[in-house]
Amino acid sequence: MDQKIPPLTPTPAPGRGGLVRHLTNWFLTGLVIAGPVGITLYVAWWVIGVIDNFVKPLIPAQYNPDTYLPVDVPGFGLLTAAVVITIFGFLAANLVGRSLVQFGERLLNRLPIVSILYRGLKQIFETVVNQSSQSFRSVGLIQYPRPGLWAIVLISTPAKGEIFESIPGEEVLSCFLPTTPNPTSGFLLFIPRKEVKILSMGTEDAAKLIISAGLVSPEYQKKTADLAAEHDAEQERKAANSG
């Protein structure tokens, strides 16, 4: 009985799979490096372009370098806006400037709809710009939207005013629950202090964790410190035994 010989299959060239893996790893490594840099530069360039398009038409032609140069100068509008804002702040810091600002605020507060918009925007800008009061002081975990499920919140300050008075006997924290992958949107929650687990990670690490949908996990500093202390103790024991 004749034995059937199986058909020959082409064997892959040696090292081809390893080369593909190396190329894939190199591509992913380059993507991790170039992706954030490219996106950051693109966003910065877009912001500069938006400000330039708004400010440059307001600059007289004799002071605009685009009038004399064959190419546009990117960032000149941004620089002009920064100088004008700084000068305006300097003028508003003295007595005459403060009087003019207060007069303008009183005028805006008398307008029905503009007053609401102005007061809201002013409060937001004062909160963001004022460096003495941090926007978010720490990061915490809460059970949301039901017990057993945990969510990250950014803790700003203890509740004040009417919110504080409405919850007697409880220390309530003002917490912001951001959404993924856009942490600029979310929910403002007032949570009793005993229901919030304060974490050791910073707000920047929490933002990375939220934006990446949990793919980028910050280093656990306490665990790292414990391992470092254990390593140092082991080295000291070895040195004592050898001595």
C-alpha atoms as a PDB file:
ATOM      1  CA  MET A   1       0.000   0.000   0.000  1.00  0.00           C
ATOM      2  CA  ASP A   2       1.483   3.223  -1.100  1.00  0.00           C
ATOM      3  CA  GLN A   3       1.984   5.806   1.634  1.00  0.00           C
ATOM      4  CA  LYS A   4       0.785   9.266   0.720  1.00  0.00           C
ATOM      5  CA  ILE A   5       3.314  11.945   1.101  1.00  0.00           C
ATOM      6  CA  PRO A   6       1.821  15.152   2.610  1.00  0.00           C
ATOM      7  CA  PRO A   7       2.160  18.212   0.430  1.00  0.00           C
ATOM      8  CA  LEU A   8       5.109  20.375   1.130  1.00  0.00           C
ATOM      9  CA  THR A   9       4.344  23.706   2.833  1.00  0.00           C
ATOM     10  CA  PRO A  10       6.713  26.624   2.495  1.00  0.00           C
ATOM     11  CA  THR A  11       8.660  27.236   5.656  1.00  0.00           C
ATOM     12  CA  PRO A  12       8.998  30.872   6.765  1.00  0.00           C
ATOM     13  CA  ALA A  13      12.373  32.414   6.508  1.00  0.00           C
ATOM     14  CA  PRO A  14      14.255  32.301   9.786  1.00  0.00           C
ATOM     15  CA  GLY A  15      14.025  35.441  11.810  1.00  0.00           C
ATOM     16  CA  ARG A  16      11.048  36.881   9.910  1.00  0.00           C
ATOM     17  CA  GLY A  17       8.713  36.734  12.930  1.00  0.00           C
ATOM     18  CA  GLY A  18      11.327  38.307  15.165  1.00  0.00           C
ATOM     19  CA  LEU A  19      11.845  41.124  12.673  1.00  0.00           C
ATOM     20  CA  VAL A  20       8.096  41.814  12.553  1.00  0.00           C
ATOM     21  CA  ARG A  21       7.933  41.899  16.342  1.00  0.00           C
ATOM     22  CA  HIS A  22      10.870  44.291  16.485  1.00  0.00           C
ATOM     23  CA  LEU A  23       9.318  46.569  13.872  1.00  0.00           C
ATOM     24  CA  THR A  24       6.010  46.547  15.749  1.00  0.00           C
ATOM     25  CA  ASN A  25       7.694  47.363  19.054  1.00  0.00           C
ATOM     26  CA  TRP A  26       9.703  50.144  17.452  1.00  0.00           C
ATOM     27  CA  PHE A  27       6.575  51.600  15.871  1.00  0.00           C
ATOM     28  CA  LEU A  28       4.629  51.500  19.148  1.00  0.00           C
ATOM     29  CA  THR A  29       7.565  53.039  21.024  1.00  0.00           C
ATOM     30  CA  GLY A  30       7.799  55.824  18.484  1.00  0.00           C
ATOM     31  CA  LEU A  31       4.034  56.341  18.659  1.00  0.00           C
ATOM     32  CA  VAL A  32       4.161  56.695  22.445  1.00  0.00           C
ATOM     33  CA  ILE A  33       6.919  59.299  22.125  1.00  0.00           C
ATOM     34  CA  ALA A  34       5.731  61.199  19.053  1.00  0.00           C
ATOM     35  CA  GLY A  35       1.985  61.091  19.769  1.00  0.00           C
ATOM     36  CA  PRO A  36       1.865  63.305  22.880  1.00  0.00           C
ATOM     37  CA  VAL A  37       4.506  65.647  21.442  1.00  0.00           C
ATOM     38  CA  GLY A  38       2.629  66.038  18.174  1.00  0.00           C
ATOM     39  CA  ILE A  39      -0.750  66.575  19.813  1.00  0.00           C
ATOM     40  CA  THR A  40       0.713  69.094  22.268  1.00  0.00           C
ATOM     41  CA  LEU A  41       2.387  71.068  19.487  1.00  0.00           C
ATOM     42  CA  TYR A  42      -0.796  70.970  17.403  1.00  0.00           C
ATOM     43  CA  VAL A  43      -2.957  72.264  20.265  1.00  0.00           C
ATOM     44  CA  ALA A  44      -0.411  74.980  21.118  1.00  0.00           C
ATOM     45  CA  TRP A  45      -0.218  76.039  17.465  1.00  0.00           C
ATOM     46  CA  TRP A  46      -4.017  76.109  17.252  1.00  0.00           C
ATOM     47  CA  VAL A  47      -4.331  78.278  20.374  1.00  0.00           C
ATOM     48  CA  ILE A  48      -1.679  80.688  19.058  1.00  0.00           C
ATOM     49  CA  GLY A  49      -3.497  80.888  15.730  1.00  0.00           C
ATOM     50  CA  VAL A  50      -6.855  81.617  17.364  1.00  0.00           C
ATOM     51  CA  ILE A  51      -5.404  84.428  19.502  1.00  0.00           C
ATOM     52  CA  ASP A  52      -3.447  85.853  16.559  1.00  0.00           C
ATOM     53  CA  ASN A  53      -6.547  85.920  14.359  1.00  0.00           C
ATOM     54  CA  PHE A  54      -8.426  87.785  17.083  1.00  0.00           C
ATOM     55  CA  VAL A  55      -5.734  90.265  18.141  1.00  0.00           C
ATOM     56  CA  LYS A  56      -3.844  91.062  14.925  1.00  0.00           C
ATOM     57  CA  PRO A  57      -6.769  92.846  13.215  1.00  0.00           C
ATOM     58  CA  LEU A  58      -6.885  95.195  16.219  1.00  0.00           C
ATOM     59  CA  ILE A  59      -3.195  96.171  15.871  1.00  0.00           C
ATOM     60  CA  PRO A  60      -2.497  99.261  13.711  1.00  0.00           C
ATOM     61  CA  ALA A  61      -0.786  98.404  10.436  1.00  0.00           C
ATOM     62  CA  GLN A  62       2.348 100.424  11.252  1.00  0.00           C
ATOM     63  CA  TYR A  63       2.931  98.272  14.369  1.00  0.00           C
ATOM     64  CA  ASN A  64       2.091  94.936  12.785  1.00  0.00           C
ATOM     65  CA  PRO A  65       5.222  93.095  11.538  1.00  0.00           C
ATOM     66  CA  ASP A  66       3.140  91.219   8.977  1.00  0.00           C
ATOM     67  CA  THR A  67       2.866  94.499   7.069  1.00  0.00           C
ATOM     68  CA  TYR A  68       6.624  94.669   6.482  1.00  0.00           C
ATOM     69  CA  LEU A  69       7.637  91.016   6.366  1.00  0.00           C
ATOM     70  CA  PRO A  70       6.860  88.624   3.492  1.00  0.00           C
ATOM     71  CA  VAL A  71       5.610  85.968   5.934  1.00  0.00           C
ATOM     72  CA  ASP A  72       3.280  86.049   8.915  1.00  0.00           C
ATOM     73  CA  VAL A  73       4.869  86.111  12.372  1.00  0.00           C
ATOM     74  CA  PRO A  74       3.102  83.476  14.496  1.00  0.00           C
ATOM     75  CA  GLY A  75       2.627  84.370  18.123  1.00  0.00           C
ATOM     76  CA  PHE A  76       2.839  88.152  17.731  1.00  0.00           C
ATOM     77  CA  GLY A  77      -0.855  88.504  18.573  1.00  0.00           C
ATOM     78  CA  LEU A  78      -0.390  86.302  21.644  1.00  0.00           C
ATOM     79  CA  LEU A  79       2.603  88.383  22.771  1.00  0.00           C
ATOM     80  CA  THR A  80       0.658  91.609  22.228  1.00  0.00           C
ATOM     81  CA  ALA A  81      -2.310  90.296  24.201  1.00  0.00           C
ATOM     82  CA  ALA A  82      -0.033  89.253  27.080  1.00  0.00           C
ATOM     83  CA  VAL A  83       1.608  92.712  27.181  1.00  0.00           C
ATOM     84  CA  VAL A  84      -1.745  94.508  27.057  1.00  0.00           C
ATOM     85  CA  ILE A  85      -3.198  92.336  29.831  1.00  0.00           C
ATOM     86  CA  THR A  86      -0.105  92.927  31.987  1.00  0.00           C
ATOM     87  CA  ILE A  87      -0.317  96.693  31.478  1.00  0.00           C
ATOM     88  CA  PHE A  88      -4.022  96.611  32.265  1.00  0.00           C
ATOM     89  CA  GLY A  89      -3.317  94.710  35.490  1.00  0.00           C
ATOM     90  CA  PHE A  90      -0.597  97.208  36.420  1.00  0.00           C
ATOM     91  CA  LEU A  91      -2.967 100.135  35.892  1.00  0.00           C
ATOM     92  CA  ALA A  92      -5.753  98.432  37.816  1.00  0.00           C
ATOM     93  CA  ALA A  93      -3.458  97.916  40.821  1.00  0.00           C
ATOM     94  CA  ASN A  94      -3.287 101.625  41.705  1.00  0.00           C
ATOM     95  CA  LEU A  95      -6.018 103.785  43.211  1.00  0.00           C
ATOM     96  CA  VAL A  96      -7.182 105.383  39.965  1.00  0.00           C
ATOM     97  CA  GLY A  97      -7.280 102.050  38.170  1.00  0.00           C
ATOM     98  CA  ARG A  98      -9.229 100.389  40.970  1.00  0.00           C
ATOM     99  CA  SER A  99     -11.740 103.221  40.901  1.00  0.00           C
ATOM    100  CA  LEU A 100     -12.254 102.779  37.158  1.00  0.00           C
ATOM    101  CA  VAL A 101     -12.608  99.011  37.533  1.00  0.00           C
ATOM    102  CA  GLN A 102     -15.144  99.411  40.336  1.00  0.00           C
ATOM    103  CA  PHE A 103     -17.096 101.903  38.242  1.00  0.00           C
ATOM    104  CA  GLY A 104     -17.132  99.471  35.320  1.00  0.00           C
ATOM    105  CA  GLU A 105     -18.253  96.619  37.576  1.00  0.00           C
ATOM    106  CA  ARG A 106     -21.099  98.699  38.997  1.00  0.00           C
ATOM    107  CA  LEU A 107     -22.155  99.515  35.448  1.00  0.00           C
ATOM    108  CA  LEU A 108     -22.092  95.865  34.403  1.00  0.00           C
ATOM    109  CA  ASN A 109     -23.964  94.759  37.525  1.00  0.00           C
ATOM    110  CA  ARG A 110     -26.891  96.985  36.550  1.00  0.00           C
ATOM    111  CA  LEU A 111     -27.390  95.235  33.222  1.00  0.00           C
ATOM    112  CA  PRO A 112     -29.979  92.432  33.557  1.00  0.00           C
ATOM    113  CA  ILE A 113     -28.369  89.543  31.651  1.00  0.00           C
ATOM    114  CA  VAL A 114     -24.789  90.753  31.324  1.00  0.00           C
ATOM    115  CA  SER A 115     -24.448  91.019  35.113  1.00  0.00           C
ATOM    116  CA  ILE A 116     -25.127  87.290  35.604  1.00  0.00           C
ATOM    117  CA  LEU A 117     -22.614  86.341  32.920  1.00  0.00           C
ATOM    118  CA  TYR A 118     -19.996  88.760  34.262  1.00  0.00           C
ATOM    119  CA  ARG A 119     -20.268  87.650  37.886  1.00  0.00           C
ATOM    120  CA  GLY A 120     -20.076  83.981  36.935  1.00  0.00           C
ATOM    121  CA  LEU A 121     -17.043  84.455  34.678  1.00  0.00           C
ATOM    122  CA  LYS A 122     -15.309  86.647  37.242  1.00  0.00           C
ATOM    123  CA  GLN A 123     -15.729  84.045  39.967  1.00  0.00           C
ATOM    124  CA  ILE A 124     -14.402  81.298  37.685  1.00  0.00           C
ATOM    125  CA  PHE A 125     -11.344  83.350  36.679  1.00  0.00           C
ATOM    126  CA  GLU A 126     -10.608  84.347  40.264  1.00  0.00           C
ATOM    127  CA  THR A 127     -10.764  80.709  41.340  1.00  0.00           C
ATOM    128  CA  VAL A 128      -8.482  79.522  38.528  1.00  0.00           C
ATOM    129  CA  VAL A 129      -5.950  82.371  38.611  1.00  0.00           C
ATOM    130  CA  ASN A 130      -5.706  82.810  42.374  1.00  0.00           C
ATOM    131  CA  GLN A 131      -2.716  80.701  43.356  1.00  0.00           C
ATOM    132  CA  SER A 132      -3.380  81.017  47.089  1.00  0.00           C
ATOM    133  CA  SER A 133      -6.400  78.710  46.836  1.00  0.00           C
ATOM    134  CA  GLN A 134      -5.729  75.501  44.958  1.00  0.00           C
ATOM    135  CA  SER A 135      -8.509  74.340  42.671  1.00  0.00           C
ATOM    136  CA  PHE A 136      -8.253  70.714  43.716  1.00  0.00           C
ATOM    137  CA  ARG A 137      -6.373  69.815  46.867  1.00  0.00           C
ATOM    138  CA  SER A 138      -6.487  66.019  46.825  1.00  0.00           C
ATOM    139  CA  VAL A 139      -7.936  62.918  45.208  1.00  0.00           C
ATOM    140  CA  GLY A 140     -10.448  60.551  46.717  1.00  0.00           C
ATOM    141  CA  LEU A 141     -12.559  57.459  46.082  1.00  0.00           C
ATOM    142  CA  ILE A 142     -16.308  57.302  46.558  1.00  0.00           C
ATOM    143  CA  GLN A 143     -18.903  54.609  45.951  1.00  0.00           C
ATOM    144  CA  TYR A 144     -20.735  55.809  42.850  1.00  0.00           C
ATOM    145  CA  PRO A 145     -23.261  55.328  41.266  1.00  0.00           C
ATOM    146  CA  ARG A 146     -24.127  52.565  43.766  1.00  0.00           C
ATOM    147  CA  PRO A 147     -22.456  50.810  46.691  1.00  0.00           C
ATOM    148  CA  GLY A 148     -19.755  48.447  45.470  1.00  0.00           C
ATOM    149  CA  LEU A 149     -18.672  50.602  42.517  1.00  0.00           C
ATOM    150  CA  TRP A 150     -15.850  53.042  43.101  1.00  0.00           C
ATOM    151  CA  ALA A 151     -15.132  56.290  41.271  1.00  0.00           C
ATOM    152  CA  ILE A 152     -12.345  58.856  41.467  1.00  0.00           C
ATOM    153  CA  VAL A 153     -13.226  62.372  42.621  1.00  0.00           C
ATOM    154  CA  LEU A 154     -11.163  65.541  42.843  1.00  0.00           C
ATOM    155  CA  ILE A 155     -11.601  67.224  46.211  1.00  0.00           C
ATOM    156  CA  SER A 156     -11.604  71.020  46.251  1.00  0.00           C
ATOM    157  CA  THR A 157     -12.624  72.459  49.634  1.00  0.00           C
ATOM    158  CA  PRO A 158     -15.000  71.740  52.504  1.00  0.00           C
ATOM    159  CA  ALA A 159     -18.526  72.884  51.765  1.00  0.00           C
ATOM    160  CA  LYS A 160     -19.295  76.437  52.807  1.00  0.00           C
ATOM    161  CA  GLY A 161     -22.224  78.789  53.120  1.00  0.00           C
ATOM    162  CA  GLU A 162     -25.730  77.467  52.655  1.00  0.00           C
ATOM    163  CA  ILE A 163     -24.534  73.974  51.704  1.00  0.00           C
ATOM    164  CA  PHE A 164     -22.640  73.683  54.987  1.00  0.00           C
ATOM    165  CA  GLU A 165     -25.554  75.026  57.016  1.00  0.00           C
ATOM    166  CA  SER A 166     -28.016  72.656  55.331  1.00  0.00           C
ATOM    167  CA  ILE A 167     -26.128  69.541  56.499  1.00  0.00           C
ATOM    168  CA  PRO A 168     -25.643  70.022  60.248  1.00  0.00           C
ATOM    169  CA  GLY A 169     -23.268  67.795  62.156  1.00  0.00           C
ATOM    170  CA  GLU A 170     -21.492  66.557  59.020  1.00  0.00           C
ATOM    171  CA  GLU A 171     -18.197  67.631  57.499  1.00  0.00           C
ATOM    172  CA  VAL A 172     -19.042  67.808  53.816  1.00  0.00           C
ATOM    173  CA  LEU A 173     -16.470  67.988  51.019  1.00  0.00           C
ATOM    174  CA  SER A 174     -16.974  69.650  47.651  1.00  0.00           C
ATOM    175  CA  CYS A 175     -15.958  66.984  45.129  1.00  0.00           C
ATOM    176  CA  PHE A 176     -15.803  66.988  41.350  1.00  0.00           C
ATOM    177  CA  LEU A 177     -16.528  63.669  39.645  1.00  0.00           C
ATOM    178  CA  PRO A 178     -14.887  63.856  36.182  1.00  0.00           C
ATOM    179  CA  THR A 179     -15.897  61.799  33.175  1.00  0.00           C
ATOM    180  CA  THR A 180     -13.686  59.669  30.924  1.00  0.00           C
ATOM    181  CA  PRO A 181     -11.908  60.502  28.653  1.00  0.00           C
ATOM    182  CA  ASN A 182     -12.796  64.197  29.003  1.00  0.00           C
ATOM    183  CA  PRO A 183     -12.105  65.215  32.612  1.00  0.00           C
ATOM    184  CA  THR A 184     -13.304  68.788  32.034  1.00  0.00           C
ATOM    185  CA  SER A 185     -16.914  67.612  32.241  1.00  0.00           C
ATOM    186  CA  GLY A 186     -18.489  65.840  35.181  1.00  0.00           C
ATOM    187  CA  PHE A 187     -20.625  66.304  38.278  1.00  0.00           C
ATOM    188  CA  LEU A 188     -20.301  68.472  41.370  1.00  0.00           C
ATOM    189  CA  LEU A 189     -21.026  66.386  44.462  1.00  0.00           C
ATOM    190  CA  PHE A 190     -21.202  67.312  48.143  1.00  0.00           C
ATOM    191  CA  ILE A 191     -20.170  64.206  50.054  1.00  0.00           C
ATOM    192  CA  PRO A 192     -19.770  63.572  53.795  1.00  0.00           C
ATOM    193  CA  ARG A 193     -16.112  63.352  54.733  1.00  0.00           C
ATOM    194  CA  LYS A 194     -16.522  59.878  56.245  1.00  0.00           C
ATOM    195  CA  GLU A 195     -17.666  58.496  52.865  1.00  0.00           C
ATOM    196  CA  VAL A 196     -14.560  59.656  50.975  1.00  0.00           C
ATOM    197  CA  LYS A 197     -11.350  57.617  50.933  1.00  0.00           C
ATOM    198  CA  ILE A 198      -8.448  60.057  50.492  1.00  0.00           C
ATOM    199  CA  LEU A 199      -5.728  58.758  48.158  1.00  0.00           C
ATOM    200  CA  SER A 200      -2.034  59.584  48.172  1.00  0.00           C
ATOM    201  CA  MET A 201      -1.855  60.230  44.395  1.00  0.00           C
ATOM    202  CA  GLY A 202      -1.807  63.801  43.104  1.00  0.00           C
ATOM    203  CA  THR A 203      -4.383  65.472  40.897  1.00  0.00           C
ATOM    204  CA  GLU A 204      -2.093  65.208  37.869  1.00  0.00           C
ATOM    205  CA  ASP A 205      -1.779  61.442  38.278  1.00  0.00           C
ATOM    206  CA  ALA A 206      -5.537  61.188  38.751  1.00  0.00           C
ATOM    207  CA  ALA A 207      -6.088  63.130  35.517  1.00  0.00           C
ATOM    208  CA  LYS A 208      -3.790  60.733  33.636  1.00  0.00           C
ATOM    209  CA  LEU A 209      -5.697  57.778  35.056  1.00  0.00           C
ATOM    210  CA  ILE A 210      -9.052  59.267  34.043  1.00  0.00           C
ATOM    211  CA  ILE A 211      -8.018  60.353  30.546  1.00  0.00           C
ATOM    212  CA  SER A 212      -6.449  56.964  29.751  1.00  0.00           C
ATOM    213  CA  ALA A 213      -9.517  55.094  31.047  1.00  0.00           C
ATOM    214  CA  GLY A 214      -7.359  53.268  33.576  1.00  0.00           C
ATOM    215  CA  LEU A 215      -4.569  52.300  31.162  1.00  0.00           C
ATOM    216  CA  VAL A 216      -2.026  54.660  32.747  1.00  0.00           C
ATOM    217  CA  SER A 217      -1.877  53.854  36.440  1.00  0.00           C
ATOM    218  CA  PRO A 218       0.239  56.122  38.667  1.00  0.00           C
ATOM    219  CA  GLU A 219       2.980  54.657  40.792  1.00  0.00           C
ATOM    220  CA  TYR A 220       1.875  53.827  44.300  1.00  0.00           C
ATOM    221  CA  GLN A 221       4.238  55.968  46.350  1.00  0.00           C
ATOM    222  CA  LYS A 222       3.541  54.281  49.680  1.00  0.00           C
ATOM    223  CA  LYS A 223       4.250  50.828  48.299  1.00  0.00           C
ATOM    224  CA  THR A 224       7.419  52.097  46.637  1.00  0.00           C
ATOM    225  CA  ALA A 225       8.560  53.691  49.896  1.00  0.00           C
ATOM    226  CA  ASP A 226       7.911  50.450  51.800  1.00  0.00           C
ATOM    227  CA  LEU A 227       9.924  48.455  49.263  1.00  0.00           C
ATOM    228  CA  ALA A 228      12.767  50.979  49.443  1.00  0.00           C
ATOM    229  CA  ALA A 229      12.781  50.804  53.257  1.00  0.00           C
ATOM    230  CA  GLU A 230      12.762  47.013  53.135  1.00  0.00           C
ATOM    231  CA  HIS A 231      15.677  47.040  50.696  1.00  0.00           C
ATOM    232  CA  ASP A 232      17.675  49.426  52.898  1.00  0.00           C
ATOM    233  CA  ALA A 233      17.007  47.271  55.961  1.00  0.00           C
ATOM    234  CA  GLU A 234      18.161  44.179  54.065  1.00  0.00           C
ATOM    235  CA  GLN A 235      21.380  45.936  53.016  1.00  0.00           C
ATOM    236  CA  GLU A 236      22.025  46.976  56.611  1.00  0.00           C
ATOM    237  CA  ARG A 237      21.529  43.399  57.823  1.00  0.00           C
ATOM    238  CA  LYS A 238      23.938  42.099  55.194  1.00  0.00           C
ATOM    239  CA  ALA A 239      26.506  44.707  56.137  1.00  0.00           C
ATOM    240  CA  ALA A 240      26.140  43.847  59.847  1.00  0.00           C
ATOM    241  CA  ASN A 241      26.500  40.108  59.178  1.00  0.00           C
ATOM    242  CA  SER A 242      29.540  40.598  56.968  1.00  0.00           C
ATOM    243  CA  GLY A 243      31.156  42.795  59.616  1.00  0.00           C
END
